[in-house]
Amino acid sequence: MRQLHLLSYNVQAGIYSRRYSDYVTNSWKHLLPHSERLINLTRIAQLLQRFDVVGLQEVDAGSLRSAYVDQIQYLARQGAFPHWYRQVNRNLAPFAQHSNGLLSRLRPQQVCEHRLPGLPGRGVMVAEFPLDDGGCLAVGIVHLALGWRARRRQFGYLFELAREYPYLVLMGDFNCGCTSNGLRAMVVSSGMQGLDCERKTFPSWRPRHNLDHILVSAPLRVITAEVIDYALSDHLPLSTTIELPEGLSLVDPGIPRRVANPLR
């Protein structure tokens, strides 16, 4: 297997947003459960079924507001993904568990959780998929800070990840567009590709900003990349198909391991 179909989606904890005023009228849904949440997540899962590896942001790992449903597990089951992992970045139990999520049809050999610099609550989860040459393809799910100062430090951390992994995918909600100096500097210094100002994902009802990105190391080939018009969150999903270099393929690793903060 040399090609992977990837998707990144900020699902806003299953909250359906249609306009800016929903941030006010739906604000209670960030705190309390509501009946439409699982319906919306089920519709999201119908899209996820088309992909090999999915990175999720703003998913709840099971708390009051999600009616104690682990949304990563729910989406994995609805989308028929055999492997799923969560990274709880802000644990406000029992009220909320803000998380990154990974869904995969391939079994990773290792899943690493990194806490990003800045205030608590931001992280990157890296899944390592083994290659037949003994190396690995690393796929990182990120959700960066709102403030540019914290993001600048976080981009430095991501650059170190790019130095660690020759074959790396970073996908998620970067909370900044391609005009960000910090993002551009990280992309240039790491040699990653995939930054495109035209792939606008936010807000989903009238996309004007490209806050979501899928970046890949230069040895990897980008076959397709597009924003999908599937407005069930306040972000639109972003998809990319990548191909490994000639002569490399993915292999079955056996039982995966979990590692916390391996670079710290």
Protein backbone atom coordinates (compact mmCIF):
# COMPACT_ATOMS: atom_id res chain seq x y z
CA MET A 1 0.00 0.00 0.00
CA ARG A 2 1.60 3.27 -1.15
CA GLN A 3 -1.29 5.74 -1.16
CA LEU A 4 -3.31 7.08 1.76
CA HIS A 5 -6.55 9.07 1.70
CA LEU A 6 -6.45 11.57 4.58
CA LEU A 7 -9.09 13.83 6.10
CA SER A 8 -8.83 16.56 8.73
CA TYR A 9 -12.03 17.85 10.37
CA ASN A 10 -12.74 20.17 13.28
CA VAL A 11 -16.17 18.84 14.29
CA GLN A 12 -16.94 21.39 17.05
CA ALA A 13 -18.05 18.63 19.47
CA GLY A 14 -20.90 17.68 17.14
CA ILE A 15 -22.52 21.13 17.09
CA TYR A 16 -24.15 22.09 13.78
CA SER A 17 -23.38 25.74 12.92
CA ARG A 18 -25.07 27.64 10.08
CA ARG A 19 -24.34 31.31 10.85
CA TYR A 20 -22.34 33.54 13.19
CA SER A 21 -25.35 34.06 15.46
CA ASP A 22 -25.22 30.33 16.27
CA TYR A 23 -22.19 31.01 18.44
CA VAL A 24 -24.59 32.83 20.78
CA THR A 25 -27.77 30.79 20.39
CA ASN A 26 -25.89 27.46 20.53
CA SER A 27 -23.45 28.44 23.27
CA TRP A 28 -25.30 26.27 25.81
CA LYS A 29 -24.52 23.20 23.67
CA HIS A 30 -20.86 23.55 24.63
CA LEU A 31 -21.91 22.87 28.22
CA LEU A 32 -25.00 20.66 28.09
CA PRO A 33 -26.12 17.65 26.04
CA HIS A 34 -28.64 18.01 23.23
CA SER A 35 -30.52 15.50 21.08
CA GLU A 36 -29.16 16.68 17.70
CA ARG A 37 -25.52 16.03 18.59
CA LEU A 38 -25.47 12.29 17.77
CA ILE A 39 -27.54 12.87 14.65
CA ASN A 40 -24.96 15.35 13.43
CA LEU A 41 -22.06 13.05 14.32
CA THR A 42 -23.73 10.20 12.44
CA ARG A 43 -23.91 12.39 9.33
CA ILE A 44 -20.23 13.30 9.78
CA ALA A 45 -19.35 9.59 10.04
CA GLN A 46 -20.91 9.00 6.63
CA LEU A 47 -18.24 11.26 5.12
CA LEU A 48 -15.40 9.75 7.16
CA GLN A 49 -16.05 6.27 5.72
CA ARG A 50 -14.35 7.31 2.47
CA PHE A 51 -10.91 7.79 4.06
CA ASP A 52 -8.01 5.71 5.39
CA VAL A 53 -6.83 8.02 8.18
CA VAL A 54 -8.89 10.81 9.78
CA GLY A 55 -7.70 13.53 12.13
CA LEU A 56 -10.35 15.14 14.35
CA GLN A 57 -10.23 18.29 16.42
CA GLU A 58 -12.67 19.60 19.03
CA VAL A 59 -14.08 16.18 19.82
CA ASP A 60 -15.32 15.31 23.29
CA ALA A 61 -13.94 12.16 24.93
CA GLY A 62 -17.06 11.60 27.07
CA SER A 63 -18.55 14.15 29.45
CA LEU A 64 -21.79 15.83 30.45
CA ARG A 65 -22.10 17.88 27.26
CA SER A 66 -21.72 14.77 25.07
CA ALA A 67 -24.12 12.77 27.27
CA TYR A 68 -21.01 10.80 28.33
CA VAL A 69 -20.51 9.49 24.80
CA ASP A 70 -16.89 9.24 23.68
CA GLN A 71 -17.27 10.95 20.33
CA ILE A 72 -14.03 9.52 18.92
CA GLN A 73 -15.18 5.99 19.66
CA TYR A 74 -18.66 6.77 18.33
CA LEU A 75 -17.31 8.10 15.01
CA ALA A 76 -14.95 5.14 14.72
CA ARG A 77 -17.80 2.67 15.12
CA GLN A 78 -20.14 4.54 12.80
CA GLY A 79 -17.39 4.88 10.19
CA ALA A 80 -16.22 1.25 10.60
CA PHE A 81 -12.66 2.22 11.64
CA PRO A 82 -10.94 -0.65 13.48
CA HIS A 83 -8.38 1.64 15.17
CA TRP A 84 -9.06 4.86 17.06
CA TYR A 85 -7.17 6.95 19.58
CA ARG A 86 -7.82 10.05 21.65
CA GLN A 87 -5.69 12.81 23.15
CA VAL A 88 -7.49 14.71 25.90
CA ASN A 89 -5.90 18.16 25.91
CA ARG A 90 -8.23 19.96 28.30
CA ASN A 91 -9.96 17.79 30.87
CA LEU A 92 -12.83 19.68 32.51
CA ALA A 93 -14.57 16.52 33.69
CA PRO A 94 -17.34 15.95 34.26
CA PHE A 95 -18.37 18.94 32.08
CA ALA A 96 -16.11 18.62 29.00
CA GLN A 97 -13.10 16.71 27.67
CA HIS A 98 -11.61 18.66 24.77
CA SER A 99 -9.65 16.23 22.59
CA ASN A 100 -7.89 15.42 19.36
CA GLY A 101 -8.96 12.18 17.72
CA LEU A 102 -7.43 9.73 15.26
CA LEU A 103 -9.37 7.17 13.23
CA SER A 104 -7.47 4.70 11.09
CA ARG A 105 -8.02 1.65 8.91
CA LEU A 106 -4.32 0.86 9.34
CA ARG A 107 -2.87 -0.18 12.66
CA PRO A 108 -0.09 2.15 13.87
CA GLN A 109 2.93 0.67 15.59
CA GLN A 110 2.97 3.52 18.10
CA VAL A 111 0.87 6.54 19.10
CA CYS A 112 2.69 9.45 20.74
CA GLU A 113 1.01 12.27 22.66
CA HIS A 114 2.78 15.63 22.78
CA ARG A 115 1.80 18.59 24.94
CA LEU A 116 2.48 21.76 23.01
CA PRO A 117 4.15 24.84 24.53
CA GLY A 118 1.95 27.62 25.88
CA LEU A 119 -1.04 27.49 28.17
CA PRO A 120 -2.39 23.98 28.89
CA GLY A 121 -4.95 22.62 26.46
CA ARG A 122 -3.13 22.24 23.14
CA GLY A 123 -1.48 19.13 21.77
CA VAL A 124 -0.40 17.04 18.83
CA MET A 125 -0.97 13.29 18.60
CA VAL A 126 1.40 11.39 16.29
CA ALA A 127 0.66 7.93 14.90
CA GLU A 128 3.62 6.01 13.47
CA PHE A 129 2.82 3.62 10.61
CA PRO A 130 5.75 1.28 9.81
CA LEU A 131 7.32 1.09 6.36
CA ASP A 132 8.93 -1.93 4.78
CA ASP A 133 12.39 -0.28 4.92
CA GLY A 134 12.29 -0.14 8.74
CA GLY A 135 11.26 3.51 8.92
CA CYS A 136 7.79 4.94 9.50
CA LEU A 137 5.22 7.33 8.14
CA ALA A 138 4.19 9.67 10.96
CA VAL A 139 0.76 11.32 10.92
CA GLY A 140 0.25 14.14 13.42
CA ILE A 141 -3.12 15.57 14.47
CA VAL A 142 -2.77 19.15 15.71
CA HIS A 143 -4.91 21.88 17.24
CA LEU A 144 -2.91 25.05 17.81
CA ALA A 145 -3.51 28.04 20.08
CA LEU A 146 -5.57 31.11 19.25
CA GLY A 147 -2.82 33.59 20.19
CA TRP A 148 0.07 34.20 17.79
CA ARG A 149 2.72 34.24 20.54
CA ALA A 150 1.79 30.74 21.72
CA ARG A 151 1.51 29.53 18.11
CA ARG A 152 5.01 30.79 17.37
CA ARG A 153 6.40 28.53 20.11
CA GLN A 154 4.20 25.67 18.90
CA PHE A 155 5.51 26.02 15.35
CA GLY A 156 8.99 25.62 16.76
CA TYR A 157 7.88 22.37 18.38
CA LEU A 158 6.37 21.15 15.09
CA PHE A 159 9.61 21.97 13.31
CA GLU A 160 11.41 19.66 15.72
CA LEU A 161 8.89 16.94 14.88
CA ALA A 162 9.64 17.45 11.19
CA ARG A 163 13.34 16.95 11.95
CA GLU A 164 12.50 13.78 13.89
CA TYR A 165 10.42 12.18 11.10
CA PRO A 166 11.61 12.15 7.44
CA TYR A 167 8.08 11.14 6.36
CA LEU A 168 5.59 13.30 8.24
CA VAL A 169 2.03 14.52 7.78
CA LEU A 170 0.74 17.34 10.00
CA MET A 171 -2.98 17.97 9.74
CA GLY A 172 -5.53 19.84 11.76
CA ASP A 173 -6.77 23.21 12.91
CA PHE A 174 -3.77 25.56 12.96
CA ASN A 175 -5.94 28.57 13.90
CA CYS A 176 -4.10 30.69 11.33
CA GLY A 177 -3.99 31.13 7.57
CA CYS A 178 -1.19 30.88 5.03
CA THR A 179 -0.29 34.55 5.58
CA SER A 180 0.90 33.73 9.12
CA ASN A 181 4.62 34.45 9.42
CA GLY A 182 5.06 31.67 11.95
CA LEU A 183 3.34 29.07 9.79
CA ARG A 184 5.22 30.12 6.67
CA ALA A 185 8.55 30.06 8.50
CA MET A 186 7.89 26.56 9.82
CA VAL A 187 6.90 25.31 6.36
CA VAL A 188 9.96 26.83 4.68
CA SER A 189 12.44 25.69 7.34
CA SER A 190 11.04 22.14 7.45
CA GLY A 191 10.61 21.80 3.68
CA MET A 192 6.99 20.71 4.06
CA GLN A 193 4.45 21.16 1.27
CA GLY A 194 0.69 21.59 1.05
CA LEU A 195 0.19 25.21 2.18
CA ASP A 196 -2.47 26.72 -0.10
CA CYS A 197 -4.24 30.05 0.44
CA GLU A 198 -7.18 29.00 -1.74
CA ARG A 199 -8.33 26.11 0.46
CA LYS A 200 -10.60 28.09 2.76
CA THR A 201 -12.38 26.15 5.51
CA PHE A 202 -13.78 28.74 7.94
CA PRO A 203 -16.56 29.62 8.56
CA SER A 204 -18.23 26.65 6.93
CA TRP A 205 -21.28 28.61 5.74
CA ARG A 206 -19.13 31.23 3.94
CA PRO A 207 -15.46 30.13 3.89
CA ARG A 208 -13.06 33.08 4.02
CA HIS A 209 -10.12 31.79 6.05
CA ASN A 210 -7.81 28.81 5.58
CA LEU A 211 -7.34 27.81 9.22
CA ASP A 212 -7.10 24.06 8.51
CA HIS A 213 -4.09 22.53 6.76
CA ILE A 214 -2.62 19.20 5.73
CA LEU A 215 1.15 19.55 5.40
CA VAL A 216 3.43 16.76 4.20
CA SER A 217 7.18 16.20 4.06
CA ALA A 218 8.81 16.82 0.70
CA PRO A 219 9.58 13.11 -0.03
CA LEU A 220 5.82 12.42 0.00
CA ARG A 221 3.81 13.17 -3.13
CA VAL A 222 0.48 15.02 -2.94
CA ILE A 223 -1.91 13.44 -5.44
CA THR A 224 -5.07 15.45 -4.64
CA ALA A 225 -6.05 18.09 -2.08
CA GLU A 226 -9.43 19.74 -1.63
CA VAL A 227 -11.88 21.33 0.77
CA ILE A 228 -15.10 19.31 0.97
CA ASP A 229 -18.42 21.14 1.06
CA TYR A 230 -19.84 19.31 4.07
CA ALA A 231 -20.98 22.06 6.41
CA LEU A 232 -21.94 20.30 9.65
CA SER A 233 -19.48 22.14 11.91
CA ASP A 234 -18.15 25.71 11.85
CA HIS A 235 -15.17 24.33 9.85
CA LEU A 236 -15.22 22.49 6.53
CA PRO A 237 -13.26 19.24 6.24
CA LEU A 238 -10.01 19.14 4.28
CA SER A 239 -8.85 16.06 2.37
CA THR A 240 -5.55 15.01 0.78
CA THR A 241 -4.33 11.88 -0.96
CA ILE A 242 -0.62 11.23 -0.58
CA GLU A 243 1.74 8.70 -2.12
CA LEU A 244 4.92 7.22 -0.66
CA PRO A 245 8.16 7.38 -2.66
CA GLU A 246 8.80 4.63 -5.18
CA GLY A 247 9.93 1.42 -3.51
CA LEU A 248 8.29 2.11 -0.12
CA SER A 249 5.07 0.63 1.23
CA LEU A 250 3.22 0.34 4.55
CA VAL A 251 3.31 -2.89 6.58
CA ASP A 252 1.33 -4.39 9.47
CA PRO A 253 3.11 -3.56 12.77
CA GLY A 254 1.42 -5.97 15.18
CA ILE A 255 0.28 -4.57 18.55
CA PRO A 256 0.61 -0.75 18.82
CA ARG A 257 2.08 1.10 21.81
CA ARG A 258 1.20 4.44 23.41
CA VAL A 259 3.89 6.91 24.47
CA ALA A 260 3.36 10.26 26.22
CA ASN A 261 5.56 13.26 25.37
CA PRO A 262 8.45 11.30 23.81
CA LEU A 263 10.44 14.44 22.98
CA ARG A 264 10.24 15.89 26.48
